[in-house]
Amino acid sequence: MNKLLLIIILLATSVGVLAEGNESILWSSERAAVAFCITEEKVTCYVVSGQNVTDVSQVEMANIGKLGRRTKKEYDKVITSPTEWHHSQGDELMVLFTTQAWISGQRYFATEPVFVKNGEYVQR
């Protein structure tokens, strides 16, 4: 396993900043890549494969944009996490990230695919 990947995951779990639940760390089927989000004041999401650590944090705003006219600040709680690997071949990865947002007890959610090619976040 990549030493950088191991350090990032151990650091994130040791200080308790990974999103709630086991679904917030998602490994590819061959366990050669991992996707996760770190939740602090600002959410940061990453896809890690080999020597590449790709920041894909913009996926949260893409998902919030799908929910309608509200900004993130208008929600009581927002959680973003990787939910499903769709493709993993060499330096081409595709992962679905889901954002859940609550207002007055009502939960809303949106899902956005994240494409990573050669360590770069490719937006659609």
Protein backbone atom coordinates (compact mmCIF):
# COMPACT_ATOMS: atom_id res chain seq x y z
CA MET A 1 0.00 0.00 0.00
CA ASN A 2 1.16 3.49 -0.79
CA LYS A 3 2.81 5.05 2.29
CA LEU A 4 1.25 8.46 1.59
CA LEU A 5 -2.21 6.92 1.41
CA LEU A 6 -1.69 5.09 4.67
CA ILE A 7 -0.45 8.25 6.41
CA ILE A 8 -3.46 10.28 5.21
CA ILE A 9 -5.98 7.68 6.36
CA LEU A 10 -4.29 7.10 9.72
CA LEU A 11 -4.07 10.84 10.38
CA ALA A 12 -7.70 11.41 9.44
CA THR A 13 -9.01 8.55 11.56
CA SER A 14 -6.77 9.31 14.54
CA VAL A 15 -8.09 12.85 14.92
CA GLY A 16 -11.68 11.83 14.21
CA VAL A 17 -12.34 14.03 11.21
CA LEU A 18 -13.70 11.49 8.74
CA ALA A 19 -17.39 11.73 7.94
CA GLU A 20 -19.84 9.76 10.05
CA GLY A 21 -20.25 6.06 9.33
CA ASN A 22 -18.16 3.42 7.63
CA GLU A 23 -19.30 4.52 4.18
CA SER A 24 -17.09 7.61 4.28
CA ILE A 25 -13.98 5.63 3.31
CA LEU A 26 -14.52 3.74 0.06
CA TRP A 27 -11.92 1.39 -1.40
CA SER A 28 -11.84 0.26 -5.02
CA SER A 29 -12.61 -3.45 -5.50
CA GLU A 30 -8.93 -4.28 -5.96
CA ARG A 31 -8.04 -2.01 -3.00
CA ALA A 32 -5.60 -0.08 -5.19
CA ALA A 33 -7.41 3.25 -4.71
CA VAL A 34 -9.46 4.91 -2.00
CA ALA A 35 -11.94 7.80 -1.83
CA PHE A 36 -12.86 9.65 1.34
CA CYS A 37 -14.00 12.96 2.80
CA ILE A 38 -12.59 14.76 5.82
CA THR A 39 -15.13 16.81 7.70
CA GLU A 40 -14.08 19.84 9.69
CA GLU A 41 -15.36 23.38 9.18
CA LYS A 42 -14.89 22.85 5.47
CA VAL A 43 -15.33 19.45 3.82
CA THR A 44 -12.43 18.15 1.76
CA CYS A 45 -12.82 15.04 -0.39
CA TYR A 46 -10.01 13.06 -1.98
CA VAL A 47 -9.42 10.22 -4.39
CA VAL A 48 -6.06 8.52 -3.84
CA SER A 49 -4.47 6.10 -6.31
CA GLY A 50 -0.80 5.17 -6.44
CA GLN A 51 1.22 8.36 -6.00
CA ASN A 52 -1.73 10.61 -6.90
CA VAL A 53 -3.79 12.40 -4.24
CA THR A 54 -6.60 14.30 -5.98
CA ASP A 55 -8.71 16.92 -4.22
CA VAL A 56 -12.30 16.51 -5.46
CA SER A 57 -13.95 18.72 -2.82
CA GLN A 58 -15.90 20.68 -5.44
CA VAL A 59 -18.20 17.68 -5.73
CA GLU A 60 -20.06 18.81 -2.60
CA MET A 61 -21.05 22.15 -4.13
CA ALA A 62 -22.08 20.38 -7.35
CA ASN A 63 -24.40 18.18 -5.30
CA ILE A 64 -25.78 21.08 -3.25
CA GLY A 65 -26.48 22.91 -6.53
CA LYS A 66 -28.68 19.98 -7.58
CA LEU A 67 -30.82 20.39 -4.47
CA GLY A 68 -32.30 23.69 -5.59
CA ARG A 69 -32.01 27.33 -4.61
CA ARG A 70 -30.54 26.87 -1.16
CA THR A 71 -26.91 27.45 -0.21
CA LYS A 72 -25.01 25.12 2.13
CA LYS A 73 -25.44 27.59 5.01
CA GLU A 74 -29.22 27.20 4.84
CA TYR A 75 -29.06 23.50 5.76
CA ASP A 76 -28.97 22.29 9.36
CA LYS A 77 -26.48 19.55 8.54
CA VAL A 78 -24.57 18.49 5.40
CA ILE A 79 -22.60 15.25 4.93
CA THR A 80 -20.73 14.28 1.76
CA SER A 81 -19.16 10.88 1.24
CA PRO A 82 -18.09 8.53 -1.54
CA THR A 83 -20.77 5.92 -2.12
CA GLU A 84 -19.86 3.75 -5.10
CA TRP A 85 -16.93 2.91 -7.39
CA HIS A 86 -17.99 2.83 -11.02
CA HIS A 87 -14.70 2.44 -12.82
CA SER A 88 -11.12 1.80 -11.87
CA GLN A 89 -8.61 1.06 -14.59
CA GLY A 90 -5.04 2.29 -14.42
CA ASP A 91 -5.05 6.06 -14.00
CA GLU A 92 -8.76 6.42 -14.83
CA LEU A 93 -11.17 6.37 -11.91
CA MET A 94 -14.86 7.14 -11.49
CA VAL A 95 -16.48 7.36 -8.07
CA LEU A 96 -19.96 8.50 -7.04
CA PHE A 97 -20.12 10.99 -4.16
CA THR A 98 -23.41 11.57 -2.34
CA THR A 99 -24.31 14.66 -0.34
CA GLN A 100 -27.04 14.49 2.27
CA ALA A 101 -28.51 17.74 3.58
CA TRP A 102 -31.14 18.31 6.26
CA ILE A 103 -33.57 21.18 6.80
CA SER A 104 -35.97 20.99 9.75
CA GLY A 105 -35.61 17.22 9.97
CA GLN A 106 -36.23 16.64 6.25
CA ARG A 107 -33.36 14.90 4.45
CA TYR A 108 -32.43 15.68 0.85
CA PHE A 109 -29.69 14.02 -1.16
CA ALA A 110 -27.90 14.30 -4.49
CA THR A 111 -25.22 12.20 -6.15
CA GLU A 112 -22.48 13.32 -8.54
CA PRO A 113 -19.92 11.24 -10.44
CA VAL A 114 -16.27 12.19 -9.96
CA PHE A 115 -13.84 11.44 -12.77
CA VAL A 116 -10.12 11.33 -12.03
CA LYS A 117 -7.66 10.79 -14.85
CA ASN A 118 -3.90 10.80 -14.33
CA GLY A 119 -4.38 12.36 -10.89
CA GLU A 120 -6.50 15.27 -12.18
CA TYR A 121 -10.13 15.93 -11.29
CA VAL A 122 -12.03 16.05 -14.58
CA GLN A 123 -15.37 17.82 -14.21
CA ARG A 124 -18.13 17.09 -16.65
